[in-house]
C-alpha atoms as a PDB file:
ATOM      1  CA  MET A   1     -33.013 -24.485   4.867  1.00  0.00           C
ATOM      2  CA  GLY A   2     -34.097 -24.723   1.227  1.00  0.00           C
ATOM      3  CA  LYS A   3     -33.052 -22.583  -1.669  1.00  0.00           C
ATOM      4  CA  THR A   4     -35.247 -19.820  -3.004  1.00  0.00           C
ATOM      5  CA  ARG A   5     -34.358 -19.388  -6.666  1.00  0.00           C
ATOM      6  CA  SER A   6     -33.735 -15.842  -7.826  1.00  0.00           C
ATOM      7  CA  LEU A   7     -31.316 -14.211 -10.220  1.00  0.00           C
ATOM      8  CA  ASN A   8     -27.793 -14.280  -8.872  1.00  0.00           C
ATOM      9  CA  ASN A   9     -25.578 -11.648 -10.454  1.00  0.00           C
ATOM     10  CA  VAL A  10     -22.176 -11.470  -8.788  1.00  0.00           C
ATOM     11  CA  ILE A  11     -19.118  -9.242  -8.909  1.00  0.00           C
ATOM     12  CA  ILE A  12     -15.730 -10.850  -8.299  1.00  0.00           C
ATOM     13  CA  THR A  13     -12.565  -8.882  -7.589  1.00  0.00           C
ATOM     14  CA  GLY A  14      -9.092 -10.377  -7.686  1.00  0.00           C
ATOM     15  CA  SER A  15      -9.746 -12.995 -10.376  1.00  0.00           C
ATOM     16  CA  THR A  16      -6.161 -12.735 -11.625  1.00  0.00           C
ATOM     17  CA  GLY A  17      -5.032 -14.039  -8.215  1.00  0.00           C
ATOM     18  CA  MET A  18      -5.292 -17.583  -6.925  1.00  0.00           C
ATOM     19  CA  VAL A  19      -8.320 -17.161  -4.657  1.00  0.00           C
ATOM     20  CA  GLY A  20     -10.306 -14.962  -7.020  1.00  0.00           C
ATOM     21  CA  GLU A  21      -9.612 -17.245  -9.971  1.00  0.00           C
ATOM     22  CA  GLY A  22     -10.776 -20.275  -8.005  1.00  0.00           C
ATOM     23  CA  VAL A  23     -13.981 -18.527  -6.947  1.00  0.00           C
ATOM     24  CA  LEU A  24     -14.544 -17.447 -10.560  1.00  0.00           C
ATOM     25  CA  ILE A  25     -14.202 -21.034 -11.808  1.00  0.00           C
ATOM     26  CA  GLN A  26     -16.709 -22.257  -9.225  1.00  0.00           C
ATOM     27  CA  CYS A  27     -19.163 -19.530 -10.225  1.00  0.00           C
ATOM     28  CA  LEU A  28     -18.772 -20.275 -13.933  1.00  0.00           C
ATOM     29  CA  ASN A  29     -19.528 -23.935 -13.276  1.00  0.00           C
ATOM     30  CA  ASN A  30     -22.486 -23.292 -10.966  1.00  0.00           C
ATOM     31  CA  LEU A  31     -25.898 -23.165 -12.627  1.00  0.00           C
ATOM     32  CA  GLU A  32     -27.258 -21.014  -9.793  1.00  0.00           C
ATOM     33  CA  ILE A  33     -25.036 -18.098 -10.837  1.00  0.00           C
ATOM     34  CA  ASP A  34     -26.625 -16.198 -13.722  1.00  0.00           C
ATOM     35  CA  SER A  35     -24.044 -13.538 -14.515  1.00  0.00           C
ATOM     36  CA  ILE A  36     -20.558 -12.600 -13.351  1.00  0.00           C
ATOM     37  CA  LEU A  37     -18.706  -9.321 -13.553  1.00  0.00           C
ATOM     38  CA  VAL A  38     -14.959  -9.322 -12.927  1.00  0.00           C
ATOM     39  CA  ILE A  39     -13.006  -6.100 -12.472  1.00  0.00           C
ATOM     40  CA  ASN A  40      -9.291  -6.395 -13.144  1.00  0.00           C
ATOM     41  CA  ARG A  41      -6.256  -4.349 -14.021  1.00  0.00           C
ATOM     42  CA  LYS A  42      -5.284  -6.982 -16.594  1.00  0.00           C
ATOM     43  CA  PRO A  43      -7.341  -9.638 -18.445  1.00  0.00           C
ATOM     44  CA  CYS A  44      -8.129 -12.786 -16.489  1.00  0.00           C
ATOM     45  CA  GLY A  45      -8.043 -14.941 -19.622  1.00  0.00           C
ATOM     46  CA  TYR A  46     -11.465 -16.528 -19.188  1.00  0.00           C
ATOM     47  CA  VAL A  47     -14.282 -16.321 -21.750  1.00  0.00           C
ATOM     48  CA  HIS A  48     -17.822 -17.477 -20.965  1.00  0.00           C
ATOM     49  CA  ALA A  49     -21.361 -16.554 -21.971  1.00  0.00           C
ATOM     50  CA  LYS A  50     -22.234 -15.333 -18.466  1.00  0.00           C
ATOM     51  CA  LEU A  51     -18.932 -13.548 -17.825  1.00  0.00           C
ATOM     52  CA  LYS A  52     -18.233  -9.848 -18.353  1.00  0.00           C
ATOM     53  CA  GLU A  53     -14.850  -8.308 -17.667  1.00  0.00           C
ATOM     54  CA  ILE A  54     -14.006  -4.666 -17.035  1.00  0.00           C
ATOM     55  CA  ILE A  55     -10.376  -3.630 -17.264  1.00  0.00           C
ATOM     56  CA  HIS A  56      -9.933  -0.742 -14.860  1.00  0.00           C
ATOM     57  CA  GLN A  57      -6.653   0.533 -13.451  1.00  0.00           C
ATOM     58  CA  ASP A  58      -7.681   2.746 -10.534  1.00  0.00           C
ATOM     59  CA  PHE A  59      -9.545   0.845  -7.823  1.00  0.00           C
ATOM     60  CA  PHE A  60      -9.655   4.016  -5.749  1.00  0.00           C
ATOM     61  CA  ASN A  61     -11.844   5.749  -8.332  1.00  0.00           C
ATOM     62  CA  PHE A  62     -14.790   3.934  -9.927  1.00  0.00           C
ATOM     63  CA  LYS A  63     -16.571   7.021 -11.244  1.00  0.00           C
ATOM     64  CA  ALA A  64     -16.056   6.052 -14.893  1.00  0.00           C
ATOM     65  CA  ILE A  65     -17.591   2.595 -14.452  1.00  0.00           C
ATOM     66  CA  GLU A  66     -20.233   3.144 -11.753  1.00  0.00           C
ATOM     67  CA  ASP A  67     -23.155   2.534 -14.120  1.00  0.00           C
ATOM     68  CA  GLU A  68     -21.722  -0.882 -14.958  1.00  0.00           C
ATOM     69  CA  LEU A  69     -21.616  -1.868 -11.288  1.00  0.00           C
ATOM     70  CA  LYS A  70     -25.387  -1.684 -10.792  1.00  0.00           C
ATOM     71  CA  GLY A  71     -27.784  -4.639 -10.724  1.00  0.00           C
ATOM     72  CA  TYR A  72     -25.706  -7.104  -8.701  1.00  0.00           C
ATOM     73  CA  ASN A  73     -26.729  -8.915  -5.546  1.00  0.00           C
ATOM     74  CA  ALA A  74     -23.309 -10.161  -4.409  1.00  0.00           C
ATOM     75  CA  CYS A  75     -19.658  -9.210  -4.337  1.00  0.00           C
ATOM     76  CA  PHE A  76     -17.019 -11.865  -3.720  1.00  0.00           C
ATOM     77  CA  PHE A  77     -14.075  -9.689  -2.723  1.00  0.00           C
ATOM     78  CA  CYS A  78     -10.894 -11.719  -3.280  1.00  0.00           C
ATOM     79  CA  LEU A  79      -8.501  -8.857  -3.974  1.00  0.00           C
ATOM     80  CA  GLY A  80      -5.550  -8.429  -1.666  1.00  0.00           C
ATOM     81  CA  ILE A  81      -1.792  -8.322  -1.209  1.00  0.00           C
ATOM     82  CA  SER A  82       0.629 -10.128   1.046  1.00  0.00           C
ATOM     83  CA  SER A  83       2.142  -8.173   3.917  1.00  0.00           C
ATOM     84  CA  VAL A  84       5.551  -9.752   3.260  1.00  0.00           C
ATOM     85  CA  GLY A  85       8.040  -7.131   2.140  1.00  0.00           C
ATOM     86  CA  VAL A  86       5.443  -4.341   2.162  1.00  0.00           C
ATOM     87  CA  ASP A  87       5.682  -1.284   4.401  1.00  0.00           C
ATOM     88  CA  ASN A  88       2.817  -0.658   6.818  1.00  0.00           C
ATOM     89  CA  ASP A  89       1.447   2.403   5.028  1.00  0.00           C
ATOM     90  CA  THR A  90       1.251   0.612   1.670  1.00  0.00           C
ATOM     91  CA  TYR A  91      -0.339  -2.459   3.232  1.00  0.00           C
ATOM     92  CA  TYR A  92      -2.948  -0.304   4.983  1.00  0.00           C
ATOM     93  CA  ARG A  93      -3.812   1.538   1.786  1.00  0.00           C
ATOM     94  CA  MET A  94      -4.034  -1.596  -0.371  1.00  0.00           C
ATOM     95  CA  THR A  95      -5.935  -3.610   2.233  1.00  0.00           C
ATOM     96  CA  TYR A  96      -8.163  -1.324   4.300  1.00  0.00           C
ATOM     97  CA  THR A  97      -8.520   1.828   2.169  1.00  0.00           C
ATOM     98  CA  LEU A  98      -9.010   0.037  -1.149  1.00  0.00           C
ATOM     99  CA  THR A  99     -11.448  -2.521   0.235  1.00  0.00           C
ATOM    100  CA  MET A 100     -13.560   0.118   1.943  1.00  0.00           C
ATOM    101  CA  HIS A 101     -13.672   2.270  -1.196  1.00  0.00           C
ATOM    102  CA  VAL A 102     -14.949  -0.650  -3.281  1.00  0.00           C
ATOM    103  CA  ALA A 103     -17.460  -1.623  -0.595  1.00  0.00           C
ATOM    104  CA  ASP A 104     -18.721   1.946  -0.128  1.00  0.00           C
ATOM    105  CA  THR A 105     -19.236   2.247  -3.880  1.00  0.00           C
ATOM    106  CA  LEU A 106     -21.095  -1.041  -4.245  1.00  0.00           C
ATOM    107  CA  VAL A 107     -23.389  -0.564  -1.256  1.00  0.00           C
ATOM    108  CA  LYS A 108     -24.386   2.808  -2.672  1.00  0.00           C
ATOM    109  CA  LEU A 109     -25.203   1.344  -6.100  1.00  0.00           C
ATOM    110  CA  ASN A 110     -26.877  -1.942  -5.151  1.00  0.00           C
ATOM    111  CA  ASP A 111     -29.660  -2.712  -2.728  1.00  0.00           C
ATOM    112  CA  ASN A 112     -29.909  -6.175  -1.214  1.00  0.00           C
ATOM    113  CA  MET A 113     -26.241  -7.077  -1.757  1.00  0.00           C
ATOM    114  CA  THR A 114     -24.249  -9.796   0.004  1.00  0.00           C
ATOM    115  CA  PHE A 115     -20.583  -8.901   0.509  1.00  0.00           C
ATOM    116  CA  CYS A 116     -18.070 -11.723   1.032  1.00  0.00           C
ATOM    117  CA  TYR A 117     -14.619 -10.595   2.116  1.00  0.00           C
ATOM    118  CA  VAL A 118     -11.603 -12.895   1.986  1.00  0.00           C
ATOM    119  CA  SER A 119      -9.719 -12.050   5.144  1.00  0.00           C
ATOM    120  CA  GLY A 120      -7.367 -14.653   6.577  1.00  0.00           C
ATOM    121  CA  SER A 121      -6.818 -17.113   9.377  1.00  0.00           C
ATOM    122  CA  GLY A 122      -5.451 -15.304  12.414  1.00  0.00           C
ATOM    123  CA  THR A 123      -7.088 -11.952  11.689  1.00  0.00           C
ATOM    124  CA  ASN A 124      -7.426 -10.033  14.956  1.00  0.00           C
ATOM    125  CA  ILE A 125      -7.770  -6.285  15.406  1.00  0.00           C
ATOM    126  CA  ASN A 126      -5.993  -6.690  18.768  1.00  0.00           C
ATOM    127  CA  GLY A 127      -3.298  -8.965  17.360  1.00  0.00           C
ATOM    128  CA  LYS A 128       0.438  -8.353  17.560  1.00  0.00           C
ATOM    129  CA  LEU A 129       1.094  -8.258  13.824  1.00  0.00           C
ATOM    130  CA  ASN A 130       0.253  -5.304  11.600  1.00  0.00           C
ATOM    131  CA  TRP A 131      -1.594  -7.406   9.020  1.00  0.00           C
ATOM    132  CA  GLN A 132      -3.822  -8.900  11.736  1.00  0.00           C
ATOM    133  CA  LYS A 133      -4.829  -5.446  12.928  1.00  0.00           C
ATOM    134  CA  VAL A 134      -5.441  -4.037   9.438  1.00  0.00           C
ATOM    135  CA  LYS A 135      -7.535  -7.025   8.372  1.00  0.00           C
ATOM    136  CA  GLY A 136      -9.411  -6.847  11.671  1.00  0.00           C
ATOM    137  CA  LYS A 137     -10.181  -3.161  11.206  1.00  0.00           C
ATOM    138  CA  THR A 138     -11.382  -3.877   7.670  1.00  0.00           C
ATOM    139  CA  GLU A 139     -13.658  -6.664   8.890  1.00  0.00           C
ATOM    140  CA  ASN A 140     -15.143  -4.492  11.633  1.00  0.00           C
ATOM    141  CA  GLU A 141     -15.962  -1.596   9.340  1.00  0.00           C
ATOM    142  CA  LEU A 142     -17.400  -3.779   6.583  1.00  0.00           C
ATOM    143  CA  ILE A 143     -19.791  -5.279   9.140  1.00  0.00           C
ATOM    144  CA  ASN A 144     -21.231  -1.821   9.767  1.00  0.00           C
ATOM    145  CA  LEU A 145     -22.019  -1.014   6.131  1.00  0.00           C
ATOM    146  CA  PRO A 146     -25.691  -1.389   5.126  1.00  0.00           C
ATOM    147  CA  PHE A 147     -25.252  -4.491   2.999  1.00  0.00           C
ATOM    148  CA  LYS A 148     -27.931  -7.159   3.188  1.00  0.00           C
ATOM    149  CA  GLN A 149     -25.261  -9.536   4.485  1.00  0.00           C
ATOM    150  CA  VAL A 150     -21.537  -9.471   5.227  1.00  0.00           C
ATOM    151  CA  TYR A 151     -19.397 -12.579   5.517  1.00  0.00           C
ATOM    152  CA  HIS A 152     -15.715 -12.631   6.441  1.00  0.00           C
ATOM    153  CA  PHE A 153     -13.898 -15.705   5.154  1.00  0.00           C
ATOM    154  CA  ARG A 154     -10.798 -16.682   7.115  1.00  0.00           C
ATOM    155  CA  PRO A 155      -9.215 -19.592   5.257  1.00  0.00           C
ATOM    156  CA  GLY A 156      -5.758 -20.878   6.092  1.00  0.00           C
ATOM    157  CA  PHE A 157      -4.178 -23.301   3.632  1.00  0.00           C
ATOM    158  CA  ILE A 158      -6.286 -23.476   0.461  1.00  0.00           C
ATOM    159  CA  LYS A 159      -5.806 -26.377  -1.956  1.00  0.00           C
ATOM    160  CA  PRO A 160      -6.168 -24.884  -5.461  1.00  0.00           C
ATOM    161  CA  LEU A 161      -8.088 -26.418  -8.336  1.00  0.00           C
ATOM    162  CA  GLN A 162      -5.950 -28.425 -10.712  1.00  0.00           C
ATOM    163  CA  GLU A 163      -6.900 -26.260 -13.695  1.00  0.00           C
ATOM    164  CA  GLN A 164      -5.980 -22.936 -12.103  1.00  0.00           C
ATOM    165  CA  LYS A 165      -3.561 -20.690 -13.980  1.00  0.00           C
ATOM    166  CA  PHE A 166      -2.807 -18.288 -11.155  1.00  0.00           C
ATOM    167  CA  ALA A 167      -2.074 -20.721  -8.312  1.00  0.00           C
ATOM    168  CA  HIS A 168       1.215 -20.080  -6.559  1.00  0.00           C
ATOM    169  CA  ASN A 169       3.949 -22.393  -7.821  1.00  0.00           C
ATOM    170  CA  PHE A 170       4.873 -23.558  -4.340  1.00  0.00           C
ATOM    171  CA  TYR A 171       1.522 -25.323  -4.020  1.00  0.00           C
ATOM    172  CA  LYS A 172       2.816 -27.896  -6.505  1.00  0.00           C
ATOM    173  CA  TYR A 173       5.359 -28.939  -3.912  1.00  0.00           C
ATOM    174  CA  ILE A 174       3.297 -28.784  -0.742  1.00  0.00           C
ATOM    175  CA  ASN A 175      -0.115 -30.117  -1.807  1.00  0.00           C
ATOM    176  CA  TRP A 176       0.955 -33.497  -0.430  1.00  0.00           C
ATOM    177  CA  MET A 177       0.596 -31.947   3.018  1.00  0.00           C
ATOM    178  CA  PHE A 178      -3.107 -31.256   2.565  1.00  0.00           C
ATOM    179  CA  PRO A 179      -4.567 -34.633   3.696  1.00  0.00           C
ATOM    180  CA  ILE A 180      -2.325 -34.602   6.779  1.00  0.00           C
ATOM    181  CA  GLY A 181      -3.157 -31.013   7.654  1.00  0.00           C
ATOM    182  CA  ARG A 182      -6.858 -31.577   7.063  1.00  0.00           C
ATOM    183  CA  LYS A 183      -6.843 -34.541   9.447  1.00  0.00           C
ATOM    184  CA  PHE A 184      -4.991 -32.907  12.312  1.00  0.00           C
ATOM    185  CA  PHE A 185      -5.829 -29.202  11.780  1.00  0.00           C
ATOM    186  CA  PRO A 186      -9.202 -29.190  10.002  1.00  0.00           C
ATOM    187  CA  ASN A 187      -9.861 -25.549  10.846  1.00  0.00           C
ATOM    188  CA  GLY A 188      -6.858 -24.439   8.824  1.00  0.00           C
ATOM    189  CA  PHE A 189      -7.272 -26.446   5.619  1.00  0.00           C
ATOM    190  CA  CYS A 190      -9.962 -26.151   2.939  1.00  0.00           C
ATOM    191  CA  THR A 191     -10.154 -26.664  -0.798  1.00  0.00           C
ATOM    192  CA  MET A 192     -10.818 -23.982  -3.378  1.00  0.00           C
ATOM    193  CA  THR A 193     -13.975 -25.851  -4.299  1.00  0.00           C
ATOM    194  CA  GLU A 194     -15.212 -25.538  -0.722  1.00  0.00           C
ATOM    195  CA  LEU A 195     -14.315 -21.858  -0.516  1.00  0.00           C
ATOM    196  CA  GLY A 196     -16.110 -21.028  -3.779  1.00  0.00           C
ATOM    197  CA  ASP A 197     -19.154 -23.127  -2.958  1.00  0.00           C
ATOM    198  CA  ALA A 198     -19.416 -21.597   0.505  1.00  0.00           C
ATOM    199  CA  MET A 199     -19.455 -18.102  -1.004  1.00  0.00           C
ATOM    200  CA  ILE A 200     -22.177 -19.098  -3.438  1.00  0.00           C
ATOM    201  CA  ASN A 201     -24.209 -20.632  -0.613  1.00  0.00           C
ATOM    202  CA  THR A 202     -24.220 -17.357   1.330  1.00  0.00           C
ATOM    203  CA  LEU A 203     -26.739 -16.157  -1.254  1.00  0.00           C
ATOM    204  CA  TYR A 204     -29.368 -18.445   0.277  1.00  0.00           C
ATOM    205  CA  HIS A 205     -29.128 -16.935   3.743  1.00  0.00           C
ATOM    206  CA  GLN A 206     -30.888 -13.828   4.970  1.00  0.00           C
ATOM    207  CA  SER A 207     -29.548 -10.792   6.833  1.00  0.00           C
ATOM    208  CA  GLU A 208     -26.472 -12.395   8.360  1.00  0.00           C
ATOM    209  CA  ARG A 209     -23.122 -11.012   9.480  1.00  0.00           C
ATOM    210  CA  ARG A 210     -20.683 -13.799  10.141  1.00  0.00           C
ATOM    211  CA  ILE A 211     -17.011 -14.680  10.450  1.00  0.00           C
ATOM    212  CA  LEU A 212     -16.237 -18.020   8.840  1.00  0.00           C
ATOM    213  CA  GLU A 213     -13.175 -19.959   9.975  1.00  0.00           C
ATOM    214  CA  GLY A 214     -12.000 -23.092   8.160  1.00  0.00           C
ATOM    215  CA  LYS A 215     -14.547 -25.487   9.658  1.00  0.00           C
ATOM    216  CA  ASP A 216     -17.348 -22.998   9.001  1.00  0.00           C
ATOM    217  CA  ILE A 217     -16.314 -22.669   5.350  1.00  0.00           C
ATOM    218  CA  ILE A 218     -16.332 -26.442   4.899  1.00  0.00           C
ATOM    219  CA  LYS A 219     -19.735 -26.743   6.574  1.00  0.00           C
ATOM    220  CA  LEU A 220     -21.311 -23.959   4.518  1.00  0.00           C
ATOM    221  CA  ALA A 221     -19.922 -25.419   1.295  1.00  0.00           C
ATOM    222  CA  LYS A 222     -21.855 -28.632   1.971  1.00  0.00           C
ATOM    223  CA  GLU A 223     -25.066 -26.945   3.043  1.00  0.00           C
ATOM    224  CA  PHE A 224     -26.997 -27.415  -0.208  1.00  0.00           C
ATOM    225  CA  SER A 225     -25.061 -30.325  -1.727  1.00  0.00           C
END
């Protein structure tokens, strides 16, 4: 499948977290991405000619910034919280309710949009754990929104980029495990480069709704290389 060149204007959420920052870096470095809008509660610290940042505190109410969310053909949704130490009601609100509000807003404002949702390895609406069920419910309902495309990314261990500012400190101590894990459990290990490139490469597909596990992410990242 060859690329069809068109303007690629993307929105990224969660760029002050490890995954969102990594995706942002890949988009900044990719000549196929023409403009980037990041929406954050605090500055991400990146400055670039094709980057615009909106500081907005209430992700449950975008009324004040709706006009600035128009004209984009992709959203790379990397915003999320860990379920560790969080009660079920808070996790549900910050995972399902928040994600669906952002998605509902964007699909209303933009035709022909691809929505990429960072879910997680093990997501299962019929799973035993609360986070599995909440992520699964979120995936299922995003699929039904009238986006051009919806992709659910389910990475496991992600090796961050060396230059990242928001990578978790513990990765410094466990990155040595990556080559071993990649060899024996390839479906659970990908690099941030692969995750970001795979998201970008979704823009050259048409009318798809897919769940991408680790191997799928790696394959899609290489599709146009």
